[in-house]
């Protein structure tokens, strides 16, 4: 589990780069509706899949990370939507503001969960 959480931290860190490209270029290989869903990325597939036992899924760390991960994806999809719709300034503001904050909170929760497992 620790390795999956560590991989998630790195993978979600790359989202800021991908979204920044979308904001700057007004285009992306990613689709808003797919980004919005939190169980299509590798971490989301793991988080919502069968690899985590029922007891862990009932715990507070899992609950918190799942909620924050969902919120992260919703915010990322909104940045992407704005960028693709040509609202560069609004997308950039959201990326540097709320998205950055949600990303930092998610990483903090992931690190805390990882620390509790080690």
Protein backbone atom coordinates (compact mmCIF):
# COMPACT_ATOMS: atom_id res chain seq x y z
CA UNK A 1 0.00 0.00 0.00
CA UNK A 2 2.84 2.38 0.77
CA UNK A 3 4.19 2.04 -2.79
CA UNK A 4 0.76 2.72 -4.31
CA UNK A 5 0.35 5.82 -2.18
CA UNK A 6 3.84 7.04 -3.11
CA UNK A 7 3.08 6.49 -6.81
CA UNK A 8 -0.14 8.46 -6.40
CA UNK A 9 1.72 11.41 -4.95
CA UNK A 10 4.00 11.52 -7.99
CA UNK A 11 1.23 10.94 -10.52
CA UNK A 12 -1.03 13.61 -9.13
CA UNK A 13 1.88 16.02 -9.03
CA UNK A 14 2.11 15.66 -12.81
CA UNK A 15 -1.44 16.90 -13.19
CA UNK A 16 -0.42 20.48 -12.54
CA UNK A 17 2.02 20.25 -15.45
CA UNK A 18 -0.62 18.72 -17.75
CA UNK A 19 -3.20 21.31 -16.77
CA UNK A 20 -0.73 24.15 -17.20
CA UNK A 21 -0.07 22.94 -20.75
CA UNK A 22 -3.81 22.89 -21.40
CA UNK A 23 -4.20 26.40 -20.03
CA UNK A 24 -1.34 27.72 -22.16
CA UNK A 25 -2.30 25.86 -25.34
CA UNK A 26 -6.08 25.72 -25.07
CA UNK A 27 -5.96 22.03 -25.95
CA UNK A 28 -5.27 18.71 -24.27
CA UNK A 29 -5.20 14.98 -24.90
CA UNK A 30 -7.39 14.60 -21.80
CA UNK A 31 -11.19 14.82 -21.82
CA UNK A 32 -13.02 16.85 -19.18
CA UNK A 33 -15.57 14.12 -18.41
CA UNK A 34 -12.87 11.49 -17.94
CA UNK A 35 -10.73 13.74 -15.74
CA UNK A 36 -13.78 14.45 -13.59
CA UNK A 37 -14.14 10.79 -12.61
CA UNK A 38 -11.87 9.73 -9.76
CA UNK A 39 -11.66 6.02 -10.54
CA UNK A 40 -10.11 6.13 -14.01
CA UNK A 41 -6.57 7.15 -13.03
CA UNK A 42 -4.23 4.40 -11.81
CA UNK A 43 -4.52 5.50 -8.19
CA UNK A 44 -8.31 5.73 -8.42
CA UNK A 45 -8.51 2.23 -9.88
CA UNK A 46 -6.43 0.96 -6.98
CA UNK A 47 -8.29 3.04 -4.39
CA UNK A 48 -11.73 1.86 -5.52
CA UNK A 49 -10.65 -1.65 -6.55
CA UNK A 50 -10.37 -4.94 -4.75
CA UNK A 51 -6.74 -4.52 -3.62
CA UNK A 52 -7.72 -2.76 -0.40
CA UNK A 53 -9.44 -4.85 2.25
CA UNK A 54 -12.85 -3.94 3.67
CA UNK A 55 -11.45 -3.01 7.09
CA UNK A 56 -9.07 -0.46 5.54
CA UNK A 57 -11.90 0.96 3.44
CA UNK A 58 -13.89 1.58 6.62
CA UNK A 59 -11.07 3.55 8.21
CA UNK A 60 -10.78 7.31 8.49
CA UNK A 61 -7.61 7.64 6.35
CA UNK A 62 -9.28 5.83 3.44
CA UNK A 63 -12.43 7.92 3.81
CA UNK A 64 -10.49 11.19 3.87
CA UNK A 65 -8.20 10.30 0.95
CA UNK A 66 -11.13 9.08 -1.14
CA UNK A 67 -13.03 12.34 -0.58
CA UNK A 68 -10.00 14.53 -1.25
CA UNK A 69 -9.12 12.51 -4.35
CA UNK A 70 -12.66 12.99 -5.70
CA UNK A 71 -12.51 16.74 -5.02
CA UNK A 72 -9.08 16.92 -6.70
CA UNK A 73 -10.51 15.37 -9.87
CA UNK A 74 -13.54 17.65 -9.88
CA UNK A 75 -11.32 20.71 -9.60
CA UNK A 76 -8.87 19.42 -12.25
CA UNK A 77 -11.76 18.84 -14.64
CA UNK A 78 -13.00 22.39 -14.10
CA UNK A 79 -9.53 23.81 -14.85
CA UNK A 80 -9.42 21.72 -18.00
CA UNK A 81 -12.94 22.75 -19.04
CA UNK A 82 -12.11 26.43 -18.65
CA UNK A 83 -8.84 25.99 -20.55
CA UNK A 84 -10.48 24.15 -23.44
CA UNK A 85 -13.30 26.70 -23.57
CA UNK A 86 -10.74 29.47 -24.04
CA UNK A 87 -11.00 31.01 -20.57
CA UNK A 88 -7.25 31.09 -20.04
CA UNK A 89 -7.18 33.62 -17.20
CA UNK A 90 -9.95 31.93 -15.22
CA UNK A 91 -8.36 28.52 -15.77
CA UNK A 92 -4.97 29.82 -14.67
CA UNK A 93 -6.45 31.44 -11.55
CA UNK A 94 -8.21 28.20 -10.62
CA UNK A 95 -5.07 26.18 -11.32
CA UNK A 96 -2.87 28.37 -9.14
CA UNK A 97 -5.51 28.83 -6.47
CA UNK A 98 -8.05 26.17 -5.59
CA UNK A 99 -6.41 23.37 -7.58
CA UNK A 100 -3.00 23.97 -5.99
CA UNK A 101 -4.63 24.05 -2.56
CA UNK A 102 -6.61 20.84 -3.13
CA UNK A 103 -3.52 19.15 -4.52
CA UNK A 104 -1.46 20.12 -1.48
CA UNK A 105 -4.16 18.90 0.91
CA UNK A 106 -4.43 15.59 -0.95
CA UNK A 107 -0.66 15.07 -0.88
CA UNK A 108 -0.59 15.87 2.83
CA UNK A 109 -3.34 13.31 3.50
CA UNK A 110 -1.58 10.72 1.36
CA UNK A 111 1.69 11.28 3.23
CA UNK A 112 -0.09 10.99 6.55
CA UNK A 113 -1.77 7.74 5.49
CA UNK A 114 1.55 6.43 4.17
CA UNK A 115 3.21 7.29 7.50
CA UNK A 116 0.54 5.43 9.44
CA UNK A 117 1.17 2.32 7.31
CA UNK A 118 4.96 2.36 7.68
